[in-house]
Amino acid sequence: PLVFIDRPPRYLDADAVLSDNYGGARMAAEHLQRFGHTRIAFLGDRHTLHTAVERRRGYESSVADPLVRADLDTASVAEAATHELLDEHAPTALLTGQNLITIGAARALRTRGEQHRIALVGFDDVPLADLLDPGITVVAQQPVELGRQAASRLFARIDGDAGPSQSVTIATQLVERGSGEIRPASP
């Protein structure tokens, strides 16, 4: 018996327990919009990852003019991409697609002294995010619930459940800490 966690199976039929990546990114973009942002940039992970595709899709479904940098796979690459976005497009808010990208974006903002002027919401929590100034607002996954649901599906299969494969989606949570609640500067 197999149960996939965090990514759906490819090329085989099996159970999966996934985070609501689409809904979490959409929730984050809408959160930034409620604070008055219209120029929200998205910095995303590799386009070959299911999670990255879903997070980008959630972002793009809720913004009028998507501004995307993708295939960022390290904090330093994300930091450079953030500098480029700020220089060329002047977004008032950033939505980052995973924790290493969030770290790179936060470094770029801090280097420029913009951490209190440009809003930031990251997908996945970041260690010490609550100790920064401002604290980093994140879309948090629920790893304990992911594990609990996956174990439940696996034990059901071991106990003989031969029914059709199931996909369970676990909700994400927006954790407000300050960086995502910065309003854009007045023109």
Protein backbone atom coordinates (compact mmCIF):
# COMPACT_ATOMS: atom_id res chain seq x y z
CA PRO A 1 0.00 0.00 0.00
CA LEU A 2 1.12 3.51 -0.88
CA VAL A 3 -0.04 6.94 0.24
CA PHE A 4 1.55 10.02 -1.29
CA ILE A 5 2.01 13.08 0.90
CA ASP A 6 2.32 16.64 -0.43
CA ARG A 7 2.30 15.64 -4.09
CA PRO A 8 -0.17 13.53 -6.05
CA PRO A 9 1.00 10.27 -7.62
CA ARG A 10 2.01 10.27 -11.25
CA TYR A 11 1.60 7.26 -13.51
CA LEU A 12 0.01 5.06 -10.84
CA ASP A 13 -3.19 4.84 -8.89
CA ALA A 14 -2.68 5.54 -5.18
CA ASP A 15 -4.04 7.58 -2.31
CA ALA A 16 -2.75 11.12 -1.71
CA VAL A 17 -2.89 13.63 1.12
CA LEU A 18 -2.20 17.16 -0.07
CA SER A 19 -2.18 20.69 1.27
CA ASP A 20 -4.55 23.15 -0.36
CA ASN A 21 -1.79 24.88 -2.31
CA TYR A 22 -4.15 26.61 -4.73
CA GLY A 23 -6.46 27.87 -1.99
CA GLY A 24 -3.59 28.96 0.24
CA ALA A 25 -1.96 31.08 -2.47
CA ARG A 26 -5.32 32.56 -3.45
CA MET A 27 -6.02 33.36 0.21
CA ALA A 28 -2.62 35.09 0.50
CA ALA A 29 -3.15 37.21 -2.64
CA GLU A 30 -6.63 38.19 -1.51
CA HIS A 31 -5.24 39.08 1.93
CA LEU A 32 -2.75 41.45 0.29
CA GLN A 33 -5.52 42.94 -1.84
CA ARG A 34 -7.61 43.63 1.29
CA PHE A 35 -4.72 45.76 2.52
CA GLY A 36 -4.84 47.80 -0.71
CA HIS A 37 -2.24 46.09 -2.90
CA THR A 38 -2.78 45.91 -6.65
CA ARG A 39 0.82 45.30 -7.77
CA ILE A 40 1.52 41.92 -6.18
CA ALA A 41 4.45 39.92 -7.51
CA PHE A 42 4.75 36.15 -7.18
CA LEU A 43 8.09 34.41 -6.76
CA GLY A 44 7.69 30.68 -7.37
CA ASP A 45 9.51 27.39 -7.18
CA ARG A 46 10.30 25.08 -10.13
CA HIS A 47 7.47 24.82 -12.62
CA THR A 48 7.83 21.02 -12.65
CA LEU A 49 6.57 20.69 -9.06
CA HIS A 50 2.86 20.14 -8.45
CA THR A 51 2.93 22.38 -5.38
CA ALA A 52 4.56 25.24 -7.32
CA VAL A 53 2.06 24.94 -10.17
CA GLU A 54 -0.91 25.01 -7.80
CA ARG A 55 0.43 27.95 -5.79
CA ARG A 56 1.06 29.97 -8.93
CA ARG A 57 -2.39 29.06 -10.24
CA GLY A 58 -3.97 30.24 -6.97
CA TYR A 59 -2.09 33.54 -7.18
CA GLU A 60 -2.93 34.09 -10.85
CA SER A 61 -6.62 33.36 -10.25
CA SER A 62 -6.91 36.34 -7.92
CA VAL A 63 -4.76 39.11 -9.43
CA ALA A 64 -5.57 41.18 -12.50
CA ASP A 65 -2.03 41.62 -13.80
CA PRO A 66 0.18 38.70 -12.76
CA LEU A 67 3.85 39.52 -12.26
CA VAL A 68 5.72 36.23 -11.92
CA ARG A 69 9.26 35.02 -11.43
CA ALA A 70 9.44 31.22 -11.42
CA ASP A 71 11.96 28.41 -11.22
CA LEU A 72 13.62 29.94 -8.17
CA ASP A 73 15.16 27.06 -6.23
CA THR A 74 17.52 28.69 -3.72
CA ALA A 75 17.38 31.65 -1.36
CA SER A 76 20.15 33.44 -3.25
CA VAL A 77 18.39 33.05 -6.62
CA ALA A 78 15.18 34.33 -5.01
CA GLU A 79 17.04 37.27 -3.50
CA ALA A 80 18.41 38.25 -6.92
CA ALA A 81 14.96 37.86 -8.52
CA THR A 82 13.45 40.08 -5.82
CA HIS A 83 15.99 42.82 -6.49
CA GLU A 84 15.17 42.56 -10.22
CA LEU A 85 11.42 42.78 -9.59
CA LEU A 86 11.83 45.80 -7.33
CA ASP A 87 14.07 47.57 -9.84
CA GLU A 88 11.95 46.88 -12.90
CA HIS A 89 8.33 46.66 -11.73
CA ALA A 90 8.03 48.32 -8.29
CA PRO A 91 5.53 45.87 -6.76
CA THR A 92 4.00 46.95 -3.47
CA ALA A 93 3.70 43.36 -2.24
CA LEU A 94 5.38 40.00 -2.71
CA LEU A 95 3.92 36.51 -2.45
CA THR A 96 6.59 33.84 -2.23
CA GLY A 97 5.93 30.22 -3.14
CA GLN A 98 8.05 28.40 -0.55
CA ASN A 99 10.23 29.01 2.50
CA LEU A 100 13.64 29.35 0.78
CA ILE A 101 12.16 31.89 -1.61
CA THR A 102 10.67 33.76 1.35
CA ILE A 103 14.11 33.92 2.96
CA GLY A 104 15.65 35.33 -0.23
CA ALA A 105 12.88 37.91 -0.64
CA ALA A 106 13.13 38.96 3.02
CA ARG A 107 16.90 39.42 2.63
CA ALA A 108 16.42 41.58 -0.45
CA LEU A 109 13.82 43.74 1.29
CA ARG A 110 16.02 44.13 4.37
CA THR A 111 19.11 44.95 2.26
CA ARG A 112 17.15 47.79 0.65
CA GLY A 113 15.53 48.92 3.88
CA GLU A 114 12.11 48.16 2.36
CA GLN A 115 10.87 45.55 4.87
CA HIS A 116 8.41 48.08 6.40
CA ARG A 117 7.24 49.45 3.04
CA ILE A 118 6.73 46.39 0.80
CA ALA A 119 4.38 43.70 2.04
CA LEU A 120 5.48 40.06 2.08
CA VAL A 121 3.50 36.85 2.50
CA GLY A 122 5.34 33.55 2.26
CA PHE A 123 4.00 30.07 1.60
CA ASP A 124 5.34 27.66 4.24
CA ASP A 125 6.52 28.85 7.58
CA VAL A 126 10.06 30.08 8.08
CA PRO A 127 12.12 29.43 11.23
CA LEU A 128 12.26 32.54 13.43
CA ALA A 129 9.72 34.34 11.20
CA ASP A 130 7.97 35.63 14.30
CA LEU A 131 11.20 37.19 15.65
CA LEU A 132 11.89 39.44 12.66
CA ASP A 133 10.74 43.04 12.39
CA PRO A 134 8.17 42.88 10.99
CA GLY A 135 7.34 39.24 11.57
CA ILE A 136 6.76 37.37 8.33
CA THR A 137 3.15 36.60 7.49
CA VAL A 138 2.87 33.09 6.07
CA VAL A 139 0.48 30.55 4.66
CA ALA A 140 1.17 27.61 6.96
CA GLN A 141 0.60 24.02 6.04
CA GLN A 142 -0.54 21.57 8.69
CA PRO A 143 2.14 18.84 8.69
CA VAL A 144 0.71 17.01 11.70
CA GLU A 145 -2.69 16.73 10.02
CA LEU A 146 -1.07 15.70 6.73
CA GLY A 147 0.74 12.90 8.56
CA ARG A 148 -2.34 11.88 10.53
CA GLN A 149 -4.49 11.64 7.41
CA ALA A 150 -1.79 9.77 5.47
CA ALA A 151 -1.32 7.27 8.30
CA SER A 152 -5.07 6.76 8.50
CA ARG A 153 -5.29 6.03 4.76
CA LEU A 154 -2.27 3.72 4.90
CA PHE A 155 -3.61 1.71 7.85
CA ALA A 156 -6.98 1.41 6.11
CA ARG A 157 -5.22 -0.03 3.06
CA ILE A 158 -3.16 -2.41 5.20
CA ASP A 159 -6.40 -3.52 6.88
CA GLY A 160 -7.85 -4.47 3.50
CA ASP A 161 -9.55 -1.37 2.10
CA ALA A 162 -9.52 -2.10 -1.63
CA GLY A 163 -11.79 0.78 -2.65
CA PRO A 164 -10.88 3.43 -5.21
CA SER A 165 -7.93 5.66 -4.44
CA GLN A 166 -8.69 8.80 -2.49
CA SER A 167 -7.22 12.27 -2.51
CA VAL A 168 -7.57 14.25 0.71
CA THR A 169 -6.86 17.99 0.75
CA ILE A 170 -5.90 19.67 4.02
CA ALA A 171 -6.65 23.38 4.47
CA THR A 172 -3.82 25.86 4.98
CA GLN A 173 -3.83 28.69 7.50
CA LEU A 174 -2.86 32.34 7.12
CA VAL A 175 -0.62 33.36 10.03
CA GLU A 176 -0.55 37.16 10.28
CA ARG A 177 2.67 38.51 11.77
CA GLY A 178 3.00 41.99 10.28
CA SER A 179 4.78 41.76 6.93
CA GLY A 180 1.62 40.89 5.03
CA GLU A 181 -0.37 43.63 6.67
CA ILE A 182 1.71 46.57 5.39
CA ARG A 183 -0.38 48.95 3.31
CA PRO A 184 1.03 50.39 0.07
CA ALA A 185 2.44 53.88 0.26
CA SER A 186 0.12 56.60 -0.99
CA PRO A 187 1.05 57.86 -4.48
